[in-house]
Each structure stands twice: as C-alpha cells, then as structure tokens.
Amino acid sequence: MWQAIQEELRGFGFTVVTVALDRSPEDARPWIEAAKPTHPSLIDTRHLVADLYNVVNVPTIVWIDARGRIVRPNDVAFGTDTFKHITGLEAAKHLGALRAWVRGEAQPLAEARTRALQSLPTETDQRARAEFGLGQWLVERGRAEAAARHFERAGELAPHDFTIRRGTMPMRGIDPMGPTFREMLGAWTKAGNPYYRPLPE
C-alpha cells in the first residue's frame, strides 16, 4: 500500500520512508522484495528510529515536512484494513488526511498542537532502552543468558513499549506473533491498557 501512496503522491514532492525494526535485514527482506518499493525502505537493527522518534509500537506514522519539522507526531495508522477487526482503526481516515496535506488541501496540525501531542520519553523510558541495548549487545556476543535479565528489566521499566517487549522475542528465540506475545498482550489489555494509542481527534 505504501508503494501505491508513493506513486500517487510523488509528483507533489512527497516521499514515503518505511522503516522495519528487526533483528536482521533478512527478517524484513522478503516483504521489502515482494513490495518492490521505489521509496527508501530501511531496516533498523539498532532501534535508532525508535529512540529518535520515541516509537513504542508498530505501525507508527510520523509526518515530516520539507523543512524537516514534525507536523504530525507519532500516530497509529495502517495502509489497509487488514487488521481493522482487531484494531478498530480504518486506513481510509489517515490516508485521506495524508493525501489532503500533501496536495495542499489541508493544513497540518498547528505547531503548538503538534508539540502538545508529541510523546517524549521519560528518564525511565531511556533507562529501559539502555537495558534493551545492553541485552542486544550481549546476545550478539553469544551471552543470551546474561542478556535475559536486561531484557526483563527493560520490559519492567517500560511495559508500554512494545518495540522493546516484543523486539526482544526474536533475540530470545520466541515467535513475536506466537503464544508468548498473545499472553503478554492479553495481560496488558486485561489490565485496562490500550495496545494502540492513536492521536486524539
């Protein structure tokens, strides 16, 4: 879908940049090759984008204007309605707003509103990312057992950050779509927490 949006809107100076947060390039390569994108399709194995933009779940969409300013901060949006029955989110709403902004038919959020909606990491969130990074470093050096306690601590510090909690699973040999994830998600939502946090209207 994002390739289709790229083709549709590129004449307006618009570029889609997709970023996969994965353990290795091989994890995302089949999907990228199947999509045959003409836009930049990046694979972030170090979670740098998550750190820079405070991404805590996927998909997260950020609108950035020609001057490099965030004009719509982290939002949940899908390119299709494949998961609408789970998320309750319709792709058409976000895609319509995106098209209108790119074509100059609608203004982005006011700067003050953008700042008010921008989610910034707390000191505890940053500590969680440090624990995650240390765990990843240990895994890469064959010290999975030592990494486990850092991954566990990262999840305790930032239980809302699923790029951390779910992101550790492949490094621990756990299917990130399997029963462990479903159990974690069930416990999270049963406690009254939303899995996705779209921007307010």
Protein backbone atom coordinates (compact mmCIF):
# COMPACT_ATOMS: atom_id res chain seq x y z
CA MET A 1 0.00 0.00 0.00
CA TRP A 2 2.76 2.49 0.87
CA GLN A 3 4.32 1.95 -2.54
CA ALA A 4 0.98 2.87 -4.12
CA ILE A 5 0.82 6.05 -2.00
CA GLN A 6 4.38 6.88 -3.05
CA GLU A 7 3.44 6.54 -6.73
CA GLU A 8 0.24 8.54 -6.25
CA LEU A 9 1.80 11.49 -4.41
CA ARG A 10 5.41 11.69 -5.54
CA GLY A 11 4.54 14.42 -8.04
CA PHE A 12 3.82 16.67 -5.05
CA GLY A 13 7.35 16.25 -3.70
CA PHE A 14 6.24 13.58 -1.24
CA THR A 15 8.38 10.60 -0.26
CA VAL A 16 7.42 7.62 1.83
CA VAL A 17 10.18 6.23 4.03
CA THR A 18 9.39 2.87 5.57
CA VAL A 19 11.44 1.53 8.46
CA ALA A 20 11.37 -2.03 9.77
CA LEU A 21 12.53 -2.57 13.35
CA ASP A 22 14.02 -6.04 13.01
CA ARG A 23 16.82 -8.15 14.36
CA SER A 24 18.50 -8.51 10.97
CA PRO A 25 17.99 -7.40 7.36
CA GLU A 26 16.95 -10.94 6.47
CA ASP A 27 13.90 -10.70 8.74
CA ALA A 28 12.37 -7.91 6.63
CA ARG A 29 13.90 -8.62 3.23
CA PRO A 30 11.13 -10.93 1.86
CA TRP A 31 8.44 -8.31 2.47
CA ILE A 32 10.52 -5.50 1.02
CA GLU A 33 11.38 -7.52 -2.06
CA ALA A 34 7.73 -8.51 -2.54
CA ALA A 35 6.63 -4.86 -2.35
CA LYS A 36 9.32 -3.74 -4.85
CA PRO A 37 9.41 -0.23 -3.34
CA THR A 38 10.81 2.75 -5.20
CA HIS A 39 10.91 4.69 -1.93
CA PRO A 40 13.56 4.27 0.79
CA SER A 41 12.88 1.07 2.75
CA LEU A 42 15.17 0.87 5.75
CA ILE A 43 15.85 -1.91 8.22
CA ASP A 44 16.75 -0.57 11.64
CA THR A 45 18.55 -3.35 13.51
CA ARG A 46 19.75 -0.96 16.26
CA HIS A 47 16.35 0.60 17.08
CA LEU A 48 17.73 4.05 16.30
CA VAL A 49 14.46 5.29 14.80
CA ALA A 50 12.58 4.05 17.86
CA ASP A 51 14.97 6.01 20.07
CA LEU A 52 14.96 9.19 17.96
CA TYR A 53 11.18 9.36 17.50
CA ASN A 54 10.05 7.60 20.69
CA VAL A 55 8.38 4.80 18.75
CA VAL A 56 6.82 2.32 21.19
CA ASN A 57 4.74 0.20 18.82
CA VAL A 58 4.31 -0.54 15.14
CA PRO A 59 2.97 0.73 12.92
CA THR A 60 3.82 4.29 13.89
CA ILE A 61 3.44 7.09 11.36
CA VAL A 62 5.21 10.46 11.57
CA TRP A 63 4.64 13.29 9.10
CA ILE A 64 7.74 15.40 8.42
CA ASP A 65 7.57 18.47 6.19
CA ALA A 66 10.05 19.71 3.59
CA ARG A 67 11.92 21.68 6.27
CA GLY A 68 12.44 18.59 8.39
CA ARG A 69 9.85 19.52 11.03
CA ILE A 70 7.45 17.02 12.55
CA VAL A 71 3.99 18.26 11.60
CA ARG A 72 2.05 15.23 12.83
CA PRO A 73 3.70 13.32 15.65
CA ASN A 74 3.64 9.61 16.35
CA ASP A 75 0.31 8.17 15.32
CA VAL A 76 -1.06 4.70 14.72
CA ALA A 77 -2.11 4.21 11.11
CA PHE A 78 -2.42 1.29 8.75
CA GLY A 79 -2.14 1.23 4.97
CA THR A 80 -5.03 -1.24 4.65
CA ASP A 81 -7.97 -2.50 6.70
CA THR A 82 -6.47 -5.99 7.09
CA PHE A 83 -6.38 -5.68 10.89
CA LYS A 84 -9.42 -3.44 11.34
CA HIS A 85 -11.34 -6.23 13.10
CA ILE A 86 -8.61 -6.22 15.78
CA THR A 87 -7.66 -2.55 15.98
CA GLY A 88 -10.93 -0.83 15.10
CA LEU A 89 -8.90 1.64 13.01
CA GLU A 90 -9.82 2.43 9.41
CA ALA A 91 -6.99 3.06 6.96
CA ALA A 92 -9.05 5.45 4.82
CA LYS A 93 -9.25 8.11 7.50
CA HIS A 94 -5.50 8.57 7.89
CA LEU A 95 -4.80 8.11 4.19
CA GLY A 96 -7.38 10.78 3.32
CA ALA A 97 -5.80 13.23 5.76
CA LEU A 98 -2.33 12.44 4.40
CA ARG A 99 -3.44 13.00 0.79
CA ALA A 100 -5.10 16.30 1.69
CA TRP A 101 -1.96 17.55 3.47
CA VAL A 102 0.41 16.52 0.67
CA ARG A 103 -1.80 18.08 -2.02
CA GLY A 104 -2.07 21.33 -0.05
CA GLU A 105 -5.81 20.91 0.50
CA ALA A 106 -5.48 20.89 4.30
CA GLN A 107 -3.06 22.35 6.80
CA PRO A 108 -1.12 20.11 9.15
CA LEU A 109 -1.61 20.42 12.88
CA ALA A 110 -0.66 23.77 14.35
CA GLU A 111 2.84 23.81 15.83
CA ALA A 112 1.53 24.21 19.37
CA ARG A 113 -0.84 21.29 18.91
CA THR A 114 1.94 19.16 17.43
CA ARG A 115 4.14 19.91 20.43
CA ALA A 116 1.32 19.13 22.84
CA LEU A 117 0.70 15.75 21.19
CA GLN A 118 4.37 14.80 20.83
CA SER A 119 5.19 11.87 23.07
CA LEU A 120 8.59 12.32 24.70
CA PRO A 121 10.49 9.59 26.53
CA THR A 122 10.83 9.79 30.29
CA GLU A 123 14.04 9.09 32.17
CA THR A 124 12.65 5.63 32.96
CA ASP A 125 11.92 5.04 29.26
CA GLN A 126 15.53 5.92 28.46
CA ARG A 127 16.77 3.51 31.11
CA ALA A 128 14.60 0.80 29.54
CA ARG A 129 16.20 1.47 26.15
CA ALA A 130 19.64 1.28 27.71
CA GLU A 131 18.75 -2.11 29.21
CA PHE A 132 17.41 -3.24 25.84
CA GLY A 133 20.59 -2.10 24.08
CA LEU A 134 22.80 -3.88 26.60
CA GLY A 135 20.78 -7.06 26.19
CA GLN A 136 21.11 -6.85 22.42
CA TRP A 137 24.88 -6.30 22.75
CA LEU A 138 25.16 -9.41 24.95
CA VAL A 139 23.09 -11.55 22.56
CA GLU A 140 25.34 -10.54 19.67
CA ARG A 141 28.29 -11.83 21.69
CA GLY A 142 26.69 -15.16 22.45
CA ARG A 143 25.70 -14.31 26.02
CA ALA A 144 21.95 -14.87 25.79
CA GLU A 145 21.61 -15.92 29.42
CA ALA A 146 23.19 -12.68 30.64
CA ALA A 147 21.03 -10.71 28.19
CA ALA A 148 17.79 -12.17 29.54
CA ARG A 149 17.85 -10.19 32.79
CA HIS A 150 18.42 -6.92 30.91
CA PHE A 151 15.54 -7.67 28.55
CA GLU A 152 13.32 -8.47 31.53
CA ARG A 153 14.32 -5.25 33.28
CA ALA A 154 13.67 -3.21 30.11
CA GLY A 155 10.14 -4.58 29.94
CA GLU A 156 9.56 -3.81 33.62
CA LEU A 157 10.73 -0.23 33.20
CA ALA A 158 8.68 0.47 30.06
CA PRO A 159 5.81 -2.03 29.88
CA HIS A 160 4.04 0.18 27.31
CA ASP A 161 6.97 -0.03 24.88
CA PHE A 162 6.26 -2.97 22.63
CA THR A 163 9.23 -2.26 20.36
CA ILE A 164 11.21 -3.34 23.42
CA ARG A 165 9.00 -6.07 24.88
CA ARG A 166 8.16 -7.65 21.55
CA GLY A 167 11.51 -6.72 19.99
CA THR A 168 13.41 -8.92 22.44
CA MET A 169 11.44 -12.01 21.48
CA PRO A 170 13.30 -12.99 18.29
CA MET A 171 16.59 -12.50 20.14
CA ARG A 172 15.35 -14.95 22.78
CA GLY A 173 14.14 -17.48 20.21
CA ILE A 174 10.47 -16.62 20.81
CA ASP A 175 7.97 -16.13 17.99
CA PRO A 176 6.92 -12.45 18.22
CA MET A 177 3.47 -13.40 16.89
CA GLY A 178 3.15 -16.58 18.95
CA PRO A 179 1.58 -17.57 22.28
CA THR A 180 4.06 -15.67 24.45
CA PHE A 181 3.20 -12.43 22.69
CA ARG A 182 -0.54 -13.14 22.82
CA GLU A 183 -0.31 -13.89 26.54
CA MET A 184 1.62 -10.66 27.15
CA LEU A 185 -0.86 -8.66 25.08
CA GLY A 186 -3.82 -10.25 26.83
CA ALA A 187 -2.44 -9.38 30.27
CA TRP A 188 -1.74 -5.82 29.15
CA THR A 189 -5.20 -5.17 27.72
CA LYS A 190 -6.99 -7.04 30.53
CA ALA A 191 -5.41 -4.54 32.93
CA GLY A 192 -7.19 -1.78 31.01
CA ASN A 193 -4.27 -0.63 28.86
CA PRO A 194 -4.70 0.06 25.13
CA TYR A 195 -2.29 -1.72 22.80
CA TYR A 196 -2.54 1.08 20.23
CA ARG A 197 -2.77 4.76 21.16
CA PRO A 198 -3.87 6.77 18.12
CA LEU A 199 -3.78 10.54 18.35
CA PRO A 200 -6.96 12.13 19.68
CA GLU A 201 -9.30 13.69 17.13
